[in-house]
Amino acid sequence: QVQVVESGGGLVQPGGPLSLSCAASGSGFSAWTMGWYRQVPGKSRELVAAITSGGTTNYADSVKGRFTISRDNAKNTASLQMNSLKPEDTAVYYCNARKVLLTTIINYWGQGTQVTVSS
């Protein structure tokens, strides 16, 4: 069973930085795609950034140039460095671990961490 745990959320002023971390248990971490999603009340969860097992990254247009996703396979962790934060970045951020078994995709989610950007 895979467990995913986020940490690092909080309150930050506009323009400031914040870093989120995600720790995932279970074997095979290096083969998983890791992603960060966010959700605000009344809206669907949206992809913020993802990183494949090979290190290829993908970002939402709204965060390109401001956010950086990374992973450490030795520690089974993924991180999201967020810079130049805007009030519209306020959301609950979720870490996602995606395993592919032949033709089956299995998603594991953390419990979420609140990020609030406000002065």
Protein backbone atom coordinates (compact mmCIF):
# COMPACT_ATOMS: atom_id res chain seq x y z
CA GLN A 1 0.00 0.00 0.00
CA VAL A 2 1.31 3.42 -0.94
CA GLN A 3 0.96 6.36 1.41
CA VAL A 4 1.49 9.93 0.32
CA VAL A 5 2.00 12.72 2.82
CA GLU A 6 2.36 16.43 2.04
CA SER A 7 3.93 19.09 4.19
CA GLY A 8 4.94 22.71 3.95
CA GLY A 9 1.74 24.62 3.35
CA GLY A 10 0.87 27.83 5.12
CA LEU A 11 0.29 31.55 4.82
CA VAL A 12 2.57 33.62 2.63
CA GLN A 13 2.49 37.18 1.36
CA PRO A 14 2.04 37.92 -2.34
CA GLY A 15 5.36 37.73 -4.13
CA GLY A 16 6.82 35.43 -1.54
CA PRO A 17 8.15 31.87 -1.82
CA LEU A 18 6.89 28.65 -0.33
CA SER A 19 8.07 25.07 -0.67
CA LEU A 20 5.92 21.95 -0.47
CA SER A 21 7.22 18.46 0.14
CA CYS A 22 5.71 15.08 -0.51
CA ALA A 23 6.88 11.80 1.00
CA ALA A 24 5.69 8.55 -0.51
CA SER A 25 6.03 5.09 0.94
CA GLY A 26 6.26 1.87 -1.00
CA SER A 27 8.72 0.28 -3.36
CA GLY A 28 9.17 1.38 -6.93
CA PHE A 29 9.06 5.13 -6.32
CA SER A 30 11.58 5.85 -9.05
CA ALA A 31 9.17 4.46 -11.65
CA TRP A 32 6.21 6.61 -10.60
CA THR A 33 5.11 9.90 -12.03
CA MET A 34 4.75 12.43 -9.23
CA GLY A 35 2.45 15.38 -9.48
CA TRP A 36 1.09 18.35 -7.58
CA TYR A 37 -2.53 19.34 -7.99
CA ARG A 38 -4.59 22.07 -6.38
CA GLN A 39 -8.21 22.69 -5.70
CA VAL A 40 -10.31 25.61 -4.56
CA PRO A 41 -13.88 25.30 -3.30
CA GLY A 42 -16.38 24.88 -6.10
CA LYS A 43 -13.79 24.05 -8.72
CA SER A 44 -12.25 20.88 -10.07
CA ARG A 45 -8.84 19.74 -8.99
CA GLU A 46 -6.25 20.93 -11.49
CA LEU A 47 -2.75 19.83 -12.36
CA VAL A 48 -0.06 22.25 -11.22
CA ALA A 49 3.09 20.33 -12.10
CA ALA A 50 4.24 16.79 -12.75
CA ILE A 51 7.54 14.98 -13.12
CA THR A 52 8.00 11.60 -14.76
CA SER A 53 10.34 8.84 -13.74
CA GLY A 54 12.75 10.11 -16.38
CA GLY A 55 12.68 13.63 -15.03
CA THR A 56 10.46 15.20 -17.68
CA THR A 57 8.41 18.01 -16.19
CA ASN A 58 5.08 19.51 -17.10
CA TYR A 59 3.54 22.70 -15.72
CA ALA A 60 0.23 24.47 -15.87
CA ASP A 61 0.52 27.65 -17.90
CA SER A 62 -0.44 29.71 -14.87
CA VAL A 63 2.64 28.62 -12.92
CA LYS A 64 5.30 28.32 -15.61
CA GLY A 65 8.39 30.25 -14.70
CA ARG A 66 7.33 30.55 -11.05
CA PHE A 67 7.04 26.96 -9.79
CA THR A 68 9.58 24.16 -9.99
CA ILE A 69 8.88 20.50 -9.35
CA SER A 70 11.66 18.11 -8.41
CA ARG A 71 12.11 14.63 -7.03
CA ASP A 72 14.63 12.69 -4.98
CA ASN A 73 14.36 9.00 -5.74
CA ALA A 74 16.79 8.09 -2.97
CA LYS A 75 14.47 9.65 -0.39
CA ASN A 76 11.12 8.85 -2.06
CA THR A 77 10.21 12.51 -2.06
CA ALA A 78 8.91 15.11 -4.47
CA SER A 79 8.96 18.85 -3.93
CA LEU A 80 7.30 21.93 -5.33
CA GLN A 81 9.16 25.20 -5.04
CA MET A 82 6.75 28.08 -5.50
CA ASN A 83 8.06 31.58 -6.11
CA SER A 84 6.38 34.89 -6.85
CA LEU A 85 3.18 33.63 -5.34
CA LYS A 86 -0.09 35.30 -6.23
CA PRO A 87 -3.41 35.39 -4.35
CA GLU A 88 -4.88 33.21 -7.09
CA ASP A 89 -2.44 30.46 -6.09
CA THR A 90 -4.43 30.05 -2.88
CA ALA A 91 -5.76 26.50 -2.77
CA VAL A 92 -5.40 23.12 -1.16
CA TYR A 93 -2.43 21.43 -2.77
CA TYR A 94 -2.39 17.68 -3.20
CA CYS A 95 0.49 15.38 -4.00
CA ASN A 96 -0.21 12.56 -6.42
CA ALA A 97 1.76 9.38 -7.03
CA ARG A 98 0.88 7.57 -10.24
CA LYS A 99 1.83 3.95 -10.84
CA VAL A 100 1.39 2.19 -14.15
CA LEU A 101 0.94 -1.58 -14.05
CA LEU A 102 0.71 -2.89 -17.61
CA THR A 103 -2.50 -1.16 -18.76
CA THR A 104 -3.69 -0.10 -15.32
CA ILE A 105 -3.03 3.32 -13.81
CA ILE A 106 -3.22 3.61 -10.04
CA ASN A 107 -3.33 7.01 -8.36
CA TYR A 108 -2.46 7.66 -4.75
CA TRP A 109 -3.31 10.98 -3.12
CA GLY A 110 -2.16 12.78 -0.04
CA GLN A 111 -4.51 14.49 2.34
CA GLY A 112 -3.73 17.94 1.00
CA THR A 113 -2.05 21.00 2.45
CA GLN A 114 -3.48 24.51 2.48
CA VAL A 115 -1.59 27.31 0.77
CA THR A 116 -2.90 30.81 1.37
CA VAL A 117 -1.40 33.81 -0.39
CA SER A 118 -2.57 36.98 1.28
CA SER A 119 -1.27 40.20 2.73
